[in-house]
Protein backbone atom coordinates (compact mmCIF):
# COMPACT_ATOMS: atom_id res chain seq x y z
CA UNK A 1 84.10 -5.48 -44.36
CA UNK A 2 86.50 -7.21 -46.71
CA UNK A 3 89.17 -6.20 -49.19
CA UNK A 4 88.40 -8.11 -52.35
CA UNK A 5 90.94 -10.47 -53.85
CA UNK A 6 93.27 -9.31 -56.64
CA UNK A 7 92.35 -12.57 -58.41
CA UNK A 8 88.86 -11.29 -59.22
CA UNK A 9 88.02 -9.92 -62.67
CA UNK A 10 85.94 -7.03 -61.32
CA UNK A 11 86.30 -4.79 -58.28
CA UNK A 12 89.62 -6.32 -57.23
CA UNK A 13 91.19 -4.77 -54.11
CA UNK A 14 88.00 -2.82 -53.40
CA UNK A 15 86.52 -2.75 -49.91
CA UNK A 16 83.06 -4.29 -49.66
CA UNK A 17 80.65 -6.10 -47.41
CA UNK A 18 80.23 -9.83 -47.93
CA UNK A 19 77.42 -10.45 -50.37
CA UNK A 20 76.50 -11.60 -53.80
CA UNK A 21 73.80 -12.84 -56.09
CA UNK A 22 70.87 -14.90 -54.91
CA UNK A 23 71.07 -18.59 -55.84
CA UNK A 24 68.01 -20.60 -56.86
CA UNK A 25 68.45 -22.63 -53.65
CA UNK A 26 68.30 -19.53 -51.41
CA UNK A 27 64.88 -19.31 -49.75
CA UNK A 28 65.25 -15.57 -49.06
CA UNK A 29 67.64 -12.64 -49.30
CA UNK A 30 68.57 -13.37 -45.67
CA UNK A 31 69.59 -16.91 -46.69
CA UNK A 32 71.64 -15.40 -49.53
CA UNK A 33 73.39 -13.08 -47.08
CA UNK A 34 74.18 -15.92 -44.65
CA UNK A 35 75.48 -18.17 -47.44
CA UNK A 36 77.63 -15.48 -49.04
CA UNK A 37 79.08 -14.40 -45.69
CA UNK A 38 79.96 -17.99 -44.85
CA UNK A 39 81.52 -18.54 -48.29
CA UNK A 40 83.54 -15.31 -48.20
CA UNK A 41 84.75 -15.14 -44.58
CA UNK A 42 83.65 -18.36 -42.88
CA UNK A 43 81.15 -16.75 -40.48
CA UNK A 44 78.96 -19.37 -38.79
CA UNK A 45 75.45 -18.77 -40.25
CA UNK A 46 73.84 -19.38 -36.84
CA UNK A 47 75.52 -16.29 -35.32
CA UNK A 48 74.04 -13.24 -37.13
CA UNK A 49 70.60 -11.97 -36.15
CA UNK A 50 68.88 -9.77 -38.73
CA UNK A 51 67.69 -6.47 -37.29
CA UNK A 52 66.76 -4.53 -40.41
CA UNK A 53 67.60 -3.47 -43.91
CA UNK A 54 68.94 -0.39 -45.61
CA UNK A 55 67.48 1.26 -48.71
CA UNK A 56 67.70 -0.84 -51.86
CA UNK A 57 69.57 0.76 -54.74
CA UNK A 58 71.04 0.04 -58.17
CA UNK A 59 74.81 0.24 -58.48
CA UNK A 60 76.31 2.57 -61.05
CA UNK A 61 79.13 0.31 -62.24
CA UNK A 62 77.39 -3.06 -62.58
CA UNK A 63 73.74 -1.90 -62.69
CA UNK A 64 72.83 -4.46 -60.03
CA UNK A 65 70.01 -4.18 -57.51
CA UNK A 66 71.48 -4.28 -54.01
CA UNK A 67 69.33 -5.15 -50.99
CA UNK A 68 71.53 -4.44 -47.93
CA UNK A 69 70.54 -6.35 -44.79
CA UNK A 70 71.69 -5.36 -41.30
CA UNK A 71 72.54 -7.91 -38.61
CA UNK A 72 74.16 -8.05 -35.20
CA UNK A 73 76.47 -10.66 -33.72
CA UNK A 74 76.58 -11.83 -30.09
CA UNK A 75 80.22 -10.71 -29.93
CA UNK A 76 83.31 -10.26 -32.07
CA UNK A 77 83.60 -13.42 -34.15
CA UNK A 78 86.73 -15.53 -33.91
CA UNK A 79 88.19 -17.92 -36.43
CA UNK A 80 87.11 -16.05 -39.54
CA UNK A 81 89.01 -17.18 -42.63
CA UNK A 82 88.94 -15.23 -45.90
CA UNK A 83 88.19 -17.26 -49.01
CA UNK A 84 91.36 -16.71 -51.09
CA UNK A 85 89.38 -16.73 -54.35
CA UNK A 86 87.21 -13.80 -53.23
CA UNK A 87 88.76 -12.05 -50.24
CA UNK A 88 92.27 -10.73 -49.65
CA UNK A 89 91.63 -9.52 -46.09
CA UNK A 90 88.92 -9.16 -43.47
CA UNK A 91 88.75 -5.61 -42.13
CA UNK A 92 87.61 -4.76 -38.61
CA UNK A 93 86.88 -1.03 -38.56
CA UNK A 94 85.36 0.58 -35.46
CA UNK A 95 82.33 2.80 -36.06
CA UNK A 96 84.14 5.53 -34.12
CA UNK A 97 86.83 5.62 -36.83
CA UNK A 98 84.23 5.91 -39.59
CA UNK A 99 82.66 8.92 -37.83
CA UNK A 100 85.87 10.99 -37.76
CA UNK A 101 85.54 14.15 -39.88
CA UNK A 102 88.89 13.57 -41.57
CA UNK A 103 87.84 10.09 -42.74
CA UNK A 104 84.69 11.13 -44.65
CA UNK A 105 84.54 13.04 -47.92
CA UNK A 106 82.24 13.41 -50.88
CA UNK A 107 82.98 14.19 -54.53
CA UNK A 108 80.63 15.12 -57.37
CA UNK A 109 81.08 12.81 -60.36
CA UNK A 110 79.40 13.16 -63.76
CA UNK A 111 77.10 10.14 -64.13
CA UNK A 112 74.41 9.89 -66.81
CA UNK A 113 74.70 13.59 -67.58
CA UNK A 114 74.28 14.72 -63.96
CA UNK A 115 76.70 15.47 -61.15
CA UNK A 116 76.14 12.82 -58.48
CA UNK A 117 77.65 12.74 -54.98
CA UNK A 118 80.06 9.84 -54.41
CA UNK A 119 80.92 9.02 -50.80
CA UNK A 120 84.41 8.09 -49.60
CA UNK A 121 85.82 6.89 -46.28
CA UNK A 122 89.63 7.17 -46.18
CA UNK A 123 90.85 4.47 -43.80
CA UNK A 124 94.37 3.47 -42.85
CA UNK A 125 95.52 1.62 -45.99
CA UNK A 126 92.11 1.44 -47.69
CA UNK A 127 89.55 3.69 -49.35
CA UNK A 128 85.90 2.72 -49.03
CA UNK A 129 83.80 4.29 -51.77
CA UNK A 130 80.82 3.83 -54.03
CA UNK A 131 78.10 1.38 -53.01
CA UNK A 132 79.88 0.21 -49.86
CA UNK A 133 80.47 3.78 -48.69
CA UNK A 134 76.84 4.68 -49.39
CA UNK A 135 75.67 1.75 -47.26
CA UNK A 136 78.09 2.73 -44.48
CA UNK A 137 76.90 6.31 -44.59
CA UNK A 138 73.25 5.28 -44.23
CA UNK A 139 74.05 2.80 -41.46
CA UNK A 140 76.01 5.43 -39.52
CA UNK A 141 73.23 7.98 -40.01
CA UNK A 142 70.68 5.54 -38.60
CA UNK A 143 73.00 4.62 -35.75
CA UNK A 144 73.57 8.24 -34.81
CA UNK A 145 70.08 9.47 -35.82
CA UNK A 146 71.35 12.08 -38.30
CA UNK A 147 70.20 12.89 -41.82
CA UNK A 148 71.59 10.79 -44.68
């Protein structure tokens, strides 16, 4: 995950996965994911191997369709460099930390006239919430074979 740059107009300092909008030159969503990840953190596009996708959803704040893709790497990448225009820091968070009871919480927020559950992961120095937390929650549920 990354902590977004304070230089950004929107979502500054928020924790997110690398990603962004599809360019006309992108042949597929997978190509978009590889390009965005390279641009944001310098990950060699030949390293990730796509193994699946999470549920698509529309974000509340920006009303954007998100198509989360899941990939694995052959090992922990070295030499990652955050793009200073987009990324303040690259965060390496073990799945075991995300599964601690004291890290996870949920709040009900009024959205469009209904109370909707908003997921939070309270990490050391960072709070993951909203779309990123929802993706994490689904990924962890799949990884541990529990209900989402």
